[in-house]
Amino acid sequence: MMPSEGATVIGRSMKNDGEVSGSGELLVDGEVDGAIKLPASRLTVRAEGKVKASIEAQDVVVLGTVEGEIRATGRVDLRAGSVVMGNVFSSRLSMEEGATLRGGVDPSKSAAEGRTQD
């Protein structure tokens, strides 16, 4: 899968601790630990990617590993071989055979809804 023009890639040898936010597409081949906020964009965790973060995005595609909550206003796609350990909040969820989800799914709540108030 080639990145689209303007996409940001966190490469296999990279590790990011903290919050990643922005308005462009993000592809993760390395590691992210913290939070990912892409309210109007797509996050793709590729096969080698490892994410330990709360995720808020328009669309989320997982081929690698995610540990944390996923909130999407659009679609969440869990591809074959992916592992997600956490709850998924999205009105549209697609899960291929061979994908693993260890958590709950709430299709009635999207990224903006269901957040706990501080």
Protein backbone atom coordinates (compact mmCIF):
# COMPACT_ATOMS: atom_id res chain seq x y z
CA MET A 1 0.00 0.00 0.00
CA MET A 2 1.61 3.21 -1.19
CA PRO A 3 1.01 6.41 0.77
CA SER A 4 -1.09 9.02 -0.94
CA GLU A 5 0.45 12.38 -1.73
CA GLY A 6 0.80 14.45 1.42
CA ALA A 7 0.46 11.48 3.78
CA THR A 8 2.69 11.23 6.84
CA VAL A 9 4.46 7.94 7.47
CA ILE A 10 5.87 6.78 10.79
CA GLY A 11 8.47 4.31 9.52
CA ARG A 12 9.40 0.90 10.90
CA SER A 13 12.43 2.21 12.75
CA MET A 14 10.51 5.12 14.33
CA LYS A 15 8.78 5.32 17.72
CA ASN A 16 6.59 8.22 18.80
CA ASP A 17 5.66 8.79 22.45
CA GLY A 18 2.93 11.37 23.05
CA GLU A 19 0.14 12.85 20.97
CA VAL A 20 0.03 12.80 17.18
CA SER A 21 -2.54 15.13 15.66
CA GLY A 22 -3.18 16.72 12.32
CA SER A 23 -5.40 17.07 9.31
CA GLY A 24 -3.66 14.71 6.89
CA GLU A 25 -3.56 10.97 6.38
CA LEU A 26 -1.24 9.04 8.74
CA LEU A 27 0.33 5.65 8.04
CA VAL A 28 2.03 3.79 10.88
CA ASP A 29 4.70 1.17 10.18
CA GLY A 30 6.55 1.83 13.46
CA GLU A 31 5.26 2.42 16.99
CA VAL A 32 3.01 5.08 18.49
CA ASP A 33 2.37 5.26 22.23
CA GLY A 34 -0.03 7.97 23.49
CA ALA A 35 -2.89 9.48 21.49
CA ILE A 36 -3.74 9.92 17.82
CA LYS A 37 -6.19 12.67 16.82
CA LEU A 38 -7.08 12.97 13.14
CA PRO A 39 -10.69 14.21 13.19
CA ALA A 40 -10.97 14.73 9.43
CA SER A 41 -8.48 12.13 8.19
CA ARG A 42 -7.62 8.47 7.85
CA LEU A 43 -5.28 6.46 10.05
CA THR A 44 -3.78 3.29 8.64
CA VAL A 45 -1.86 0.96 10.95
CA ARG A 46 0.05 -1.21 8.52
CA ALA A 47 1.05 -4.84 9.15
CA GLU A 48 4.28 -3.96 11.01
CA GLY A 49 2.67 -1.09 12.95
CA LYS A 50 2.07 -1.16 16.70
CA VAL A 51 -0.15 1.44 18.31
CA LYS A 52 -0.80 1.80 22.05
CA ALA A 53 -3.02 4.85 21.99
CA SER A 54 -6.50 6.26 22.13
CA ILE A 55 -7.48 6.94 18.53
CA GLU A 56 -9.88 9.55 17.15
CA ALA A 57 -10.12 9.73 13.37
CA GLN A 58 -12.54 9.90 10.49
CA ASP A 59 -11.54 6.46 9.17
CA VAL A 60 -9.28 3.79 10.70
CA VAL A 61 -7.75 0.85 8.83
CA VAL A 62 -5.87 -1.73 10.91
CA LEU A 63 -3.56 -4.37 9.48
CA GLY A 64 -1.19 -4.44 12.48
CA THR A 65 -1.76 -4.15 16.24
CA VAL A 66 -3.76 -1.56 18.19
CA GLU A 67 -4.08 -1.47 21.96
CA GLY A 68 -6.55 1.23 22.95
CA GLU A 69 -9.90 2.74 22.19
CA ILE A 70 -10.84 3.54 18.58
CA ARG A 71 -13.39 6.29 17.85
CA ALA A 72 -14.25 6.96 14.21
CA THR A 73 -16.81 9.25 12.62
CA GLY A 74 -16.51 7.26 9.40
CA ARG A 75 -15.47 3.63 9.04
CA VAL A 76 -13.24 1.19 10.92
CA ASP A 77 -11.74 -1.63 8.84
CA LEU A 78 -10.03 -4.53 10.62
CA ARG A 79 -8.10 -6.49 8.02
CA ALA A 80 -6.96 -10.12 8.14
CA GLY A 81 -4.11 -10.56 10.63
CA SER A 82 -4.92 -7.40 12.60
CA VAL A 83 -5.25 -7.42 16.38
CA VAL A 84 -7.27 -4.78 18.24
CA MET A 85 -7.40 -4.83 22.04
CA GLY A 86 -9.88 -2.14 23.05
CA ASN A 87 -13.36 -0.82 22.41
CA VAL A 88 -14.46 0.41 18.99
CA PHE A 89 -16.93 3.28 18.65
CA SER A 90 -18.07 3.66 15.04
CA SER A 91 -21.31 3.40 13.12
CA ARG A 92 -19.53 1.38 10.41
CA LEU A 93 -17.25 -1.56 11.19
CA SER A 94 -15.82 -4.04 8.71
CA MET A 95 -13.91 -7.09 9.97
CA GLU A 96 -12.19 -9.55 7.66
CA GLU A 97 -11.76 -13.22 8.48
CA GLY A 98 -8.56 -13.62 10.51
CA ALA A 99 -8.87 -10.26 12.29
CA THR A 100 -8.98 -10.28 16.09
CA LEU A 101 -11.01 -7.89 18.24
CA ARG A 102 -10.76 -8.13 22.01
CA GLY A 103 -13.15 -5.45 23.22
CA GLY A 104 -16.60 -4.08 22.75
CA VAL A 105 -18.26 -2.46 19.76
CA ASP A 106 -20.71 0.40 20.07
CA PRO A 107 -22.13 1.35 16.67
CA SER A 108 -24.35 4.03 18.18
CA LYS A 109 -21.41 6.24 19.18
CA SER A 110 -18.83 7.85 16.93
CA ALA A 111 -15.63 9.75 17.65
CA ALA A 112 -17.32 12.86 18.97
CA GLU A 113 -19.99 11.03 20.93
CA GLY A 114 -19.50 8.91 23.99
CA ARG A 115 -16.44 10.68 25.34
CA THR A 116 -16.44 10.85 29.08
CA GLN A 117 -16.60 14.35 30.47
CA ASP A 118 -13.78 15.44 32.80
